[in-house]
Protein backbone atom coordinates (compact mmCIF):
# COMPACT_ATOMS: atom_id res chain seq x y z
CA MET A 1 0.08 0.08 -0.05
CA LEU A 2 1.17 3.61 -0.96
CA ASN A 3 1.81 5.70 2.16
CA TYR A 4 3.72 8.99 2.49
CA ARG A 5 5.65 11.08 5.27
CA GLU A 6 5.26 14.85 5.13
CA TYR A 7 8.02 17.02 6.25
CA LYS A 8 7.96 20.60 7.25
CA ASN A 9 11.26 21.94 5.56
CA ARG A 10 14.17 21.08 3.23
CA THR A 11 16.47 20.03 6.32
CA GLU A 12 13.88 17.52 7.94
CA TRP A 13 13.28 16.07 4.28
CA LEU A 14 16.85 15.57 3.69
CA ASN A 15 17.32 13.99 6.98
CA GLY A 16 14.15 11.79 6.32
CA ARG A 17 15.19 10.45 3.03
CA THR A 18 18.62 8.79 4.59
CA ALA A 19 16.03 5.83 6.00
CA THR A 20 15.54 4.57 2.32
CA ILE A 21 16.82 4.52 -1.24
CA GLY A 22 15.38 7.20 -2.97
CA ALA A 23 14.65 7.35 -6.89
CA SER A 24 17.61 9.78 -7.37
CA ASP A 25 19.75 7.24 -5.89
CA THR A 26 19.00 4.11 -7.99
CA ALA A 27 21.05 4.88 -11.01
CA SER A 28 24.22 5.25 -8.79
CA ILE A 29 23.46 1.85 -7.00
CA LEU A 30 23.38 0.40 -10.77
CA GLY A 31 26.71 2.38 -11.78
CA ILE A 32 25.08 4.79 -14.15
CA GLY A 33 24.41 7.50 -12.25
CA PHE A 34 26.38 10.67 -11.10
CA ARG A 35 27.95 9.40 -7.82
CA THR A 36 29.22 6.15 -6.96
CA SER A 37 26.99 3.29 -5.06
CA ALA A 38 29.70 3.89 -2.11
CA GLU A 39 28.71 7.65 -1.97
CA VAL A 40 24.91 6.56 -1.70
CA TRP A 41 25.77 3.95 0.99
CA ARG A 42 27.56 6.73 3.01
CA ASP A 43 24.74 9.23 2.70
CA LYS A 44 22.53 6.37 4.24
CA THR A 45 24.60 4.79 7.07
CA ARG A 46 27.06 7.84 7.81
CA PRO A 47 24.64 11.12 7.47
CA THR A 48 26.17 14.44 8.14
CA GLY A 49 22.85 16.34 8.06
CA LYS A 50 24.88 18.71 5.83
CA GLU A 51 23.67 19.64 2.14
CA LYS A 52 26.60 19.94 -0.17
CA LYS A 53 26.44 23.37 -2.21
CA PRO A 54 25.35 22.90 -5.52
CA ASP A 55 27.48 23.75 -8.78
CA ALA A 56 26.02 26.28 -10.95
CA ARG A 57 24.26 23.92 -13.44
CA ILE A 58 22.52 22.03 -10.41
CA GLU A 59 21.49 25.11 -8.75
CA TYR A 60 19.96 26.57 -12.02
CA GLY A 61 17.79 23.08 -12.15
CA GLN A 62 16.52 23.78 -8.69
CA LYS A 63 15.43 27.44 -9.37
CA ALA A 64 13.85 26.64 -12.81
CA GLU A 65 11.87 23.52 -11.61
CA GLU A 66 9.02 25.74 -10.16
CA HIS A 67 8.77 27.46 -13.54
CA LEU A 68 9.08 24.43 -15.80
CA ARG A 69 6.27 22.72 -13.68
CA ALA A 70 4.03 25.77 -14.11
CA LEU A 71 4.55 26.03 -17.70
CA TYR A 72 3.88 22.27 -18.35
CA SER A 73 0.85 22.73 -16.13
CA LEU A 74 -0.32 25.65 -18.31
CA GLN A 75 0.38 23.72 -21.55
CA ASN A 76 -1.55 20.60 -20.41
CA ALA A 77 -4.25 22.09 -18.43
CA ALA A 78 -7.24 21.00 -20.60
CA GLU A 79 -6.30 17.30 -20.27
CA GLN A 80 -4.49 17.07 -16.78
CA GLU A 81 -4.27 18.35 -13.16
CA ILE A 82 -0.59 18.90 -11.69
CA LEU A 83 -0.50 18.50 -8.13
CA TYR A 84 2.59 19.33 -6.12
CA HIS A 85 3.84 18.49 -2.63
CA GLU A 86 7.34 19.82 -1.96
CA PHE A 87 8.45 17.74 1.26
CA ARG A 88 6.43 14.74 0.92
CA VAL A 89 7.99 11.33 0.60
CA TYR A 90 6.23 8.23 -0.79
CA VAL A 91 6.92 4.92 0.65
CA ASN A 92 5.15 1.79 -0.13
CA ASP A 93 4.68 -1.41 2.19
CA LYS A 94 5.67 -3.63 -0.47
CA TYR A 95 9.10 -2.04 -1.20
CA PRO A 96 9.94 -0.86 2.23
CA TRP A 97 13.57 0.00 1.28
CA LEU A 98 12.58 2.56 -1.44
CA SER A 99 11.10 5.79 -1.72
CA CYS A 100 10.67 9.22 -3.99
CA THR A 101 9.56 12.50 -3.59
CA LEU A 102 7.84 13.62 -6.97
CA ASP A 103 8.53 16.90 -8.89
CA GLY A 104 4.65 16.77 -9.59
CA GLU A 105 1.77 14.33 -9.99
CA ILE A 106 -0.60 14.10 -12.88
CA VAL A 107 -4.14 13.13 -13.03
CA GLU A 108 -5.52 12.86 -16.08
CA LYS A 109 -9.14 14.65 -16.04
CA SER A 110 -10.95 12.14 -18.37
CA THR A 111 -9.86 8.99 -17.07
CA GLY A 112 -8.74 9.53 -13.57
CA ARG A 113 -5.30 7.89 -14.14
CA LEU A 114 -2.31 8.94 -12.26
CA GLY A 115 1.04 9.75 -13.27
CA VAL A 116 4.65 10.77 -12.37
CA LEU A 117 6.07 14.39 -13.40
CA GLU A 118 9.73 14.65 -13.17
CA ILE A 119 11.60 18.11 -14.39
CA LYS A 120 14.90 18.17 -15.62
CA THR A 121 17.40 20.67 -17.20
CA ALA A 122 20.18 19.52 -19.50
CA THR A 123 23.01 21.45 -21.16
CA ILE A 124 24.37 19.52 -24.54
CA PHE A 125 28.08 20.64 -25.08
CA ARG A 126 28.91 17.08 -27.12
CA LYS A 127 26.99 14.94 -29.97
CA GLU A 128 27.24 12.18 -27.34
CA GLU A 129 25.09 14.00 -24.89
CA ALA A 130 22.55 15.17 -27.82
CA ALA A 131 22.29 11.46 -28.63
CA GLU A 132 21.33 10.49 -25.29
CA TRP A 133 17.94 12.72 -25.76
CA ALA A 134 17.19 11.49 -29.14
CA GLY A 135 13.96 10.42 -29.10
CA ARG A 136 14.68 8.93 -25.46
CA ILE A 137 15.57 9.96 -22.15
CA PRO A 138 19.25 9.14 -20.60
CA LEU A 139 19.46 5.80 -18.61
CA LYS A 140 20.21 7.35 -15.45
CA TYR A 141 16.60 9.31 -15.79
CA ARG A 142 14.80 6.18 -17.04
CA ALA A 143 15.87 4.49 -13.74
CA GLN A 144 14.58 7.31 -11.57
CA LEU A 145 11.27 7.13 -13.34
CA ALA A 146 11.03 3.35 -12.99
CA THR A 147 11.89 3.56 -9.29
CA GLN A 148 9.35 6.33 -8.62
CA LEU A 149 6.57 3.93 -10.62
CA ALA A 150 7.38 1.16 -8.53
CA VAL A 151 7.11 3.02 -5.39
CA THR A 152 3.85 4.64 -6.39
CA GLU A 153 2.48 2.01 -8.81
CA TYR A 154 1.27 5.04 -10.93
CA ASP A 155 -0.09 4.37 -14.47
CA PHE A 156 2.58 6.58 -16.42
CA ALA A 157 5.16 8.70 -15.92
CA VAL A 158 6.36 12.06 -17.83
CA LEU A 159 9.83 13.80 -17.89
CA PHE A 160 9.48 17.37 -18.84
CA ALA A 161 12.96 18.62 -19.99
CA GLN A 162 14.53 21.89 -20.94
CA ILE A 163 17.44 21.03 -23.26
CA MET A 164 19.69 23.97 -23.76
CA TYR A 165 22.73 24.09 -26.38
CA ARG A 166 26.10 26.08 -26.25
CA ASP A 167 24.86 28.52 -29.01
CA GLY A 168 22.11 29.70 -26.32
CA ARG A 169 18.98 27.82 -27.93
CA SER A 170 16.99 25.79 -25.81
CA GLU A 171 13.97 23.43 -26.30
CA LEU A 172 11.05 22.09 -23.88
CA VAL A 173 10.67 18.34 -24.87
CA PRO A 174 7.99 15.99 -22.91
CA TYR A 175 8.96 12.41 -22.79
CA ARG A 176 6.27 10.07 -21.71
CA TYR A 177 6.29 6.23 -21.01
CA GLU A 178 3.46 4.36 -19.99
CA ARG A 179 3.99 1.51 -16.86
CA ALA A 180 4.06 -1.22 -19.22
CA GLU A 181 7.25 0.52 -21.23
CA LEU A 182 9.17 0.58 -18.08
CA GLN A 183 7.78 -2.79 -16.26
CA GLY A 184 11.33 -4.49 -17.25
CA ASP A 185 13.15 -1.81 -15.56
CA ILE A 186 10.98 -1.63 -12.61
CA ASP A 187 11.14 -5.46 -11.77
CA PHE A 188 14.87 -5.28 -12.15
CA ILE A 189 15.15 -2.18 -10.02
CA ILE A 190 13.27 -3.72 -7.24
CA THR A 191 15.44 -6.66 -7.02
CA GLU A 192 18.79 -4.93 -7.42
CA THR A 193 17.84 -2.21 -4.79
CA GLN A 194 16.81 -4.67 -2.28
CA GLU A 195 19.62 -6.65 -2.78
CA PHE A 196 21.88 -3.35 -2.17
CA TYR A 197 19.89 -2.45 0.81
CA GLU A 198 20.01 -5.76 2.45
CA LYS A 199 23.57 -6.49 1.75
CA TYR A 200 25.06 -2.88 2.34
CA ILE A 201 22.87 -0.45 4.22
CA ALA A 202 21.43 -2.58 6.51
CA THR A 203 24.61 -4.44 7.39
CA GLY A 204 26.65 -1.19 7.18
CA LYS A 205 29.19 -3.13 5.15
CA GLU A 206 30.80 -0.71 2.42
CA PRO A 207 29.65 -1.75 -1.15
CA PRO A 208 32.68 -2.40 -3.90
CA LEU A 209 33.28 0.42 -6.06
CA LYS A 210 31.21 0.77 -9.42
CA ILE A 211 32.43 3.07 -11.85
CA THR A 212 29.87 5.74 -12.76
CA LEU A 213 29.22 7.06 -16.42
């Protein structure tokens, strides 16, 4: 069953997330994220209570999120209602080691179907980076969506991205996935994260290094 914990502020929210593997942690555990699995392990088992200062790109993404969510909501107002709970952490009795906080929740007005909304900003410097966004999303973000769908058991997910280029151009692109399209990813992530949690986080044993991309 889906439940949630509501926190009062960002500090409480950050501290509350240390008890579980969050959707943004999953890719790093799998070796395809921005961090190593050992860094995730330290966050969960040796929390400092301090938040690292974000670099310029991360800070931009954090500040842009509310505006991109509002724009997505405006563009889709006829068909969808967008809900947002800033410091809500979702958990599910089926997978108690997992959690997620959503950038938005989508309610389809005609059907009542529920969806996850994830907001991203990305700056493209190389052809390889552009290829990651060509008709699809990078694997690290696919893992994040799959984790969110695992926890919430919602029907679909939308990643709404602002993609920026070195010449100053930018474009807004929605990527939509039905749950069935990500079911294989969901099943794999449930298995892998449970093993990681039970083998390393629950025991306090540091995991071996995985190279991140």
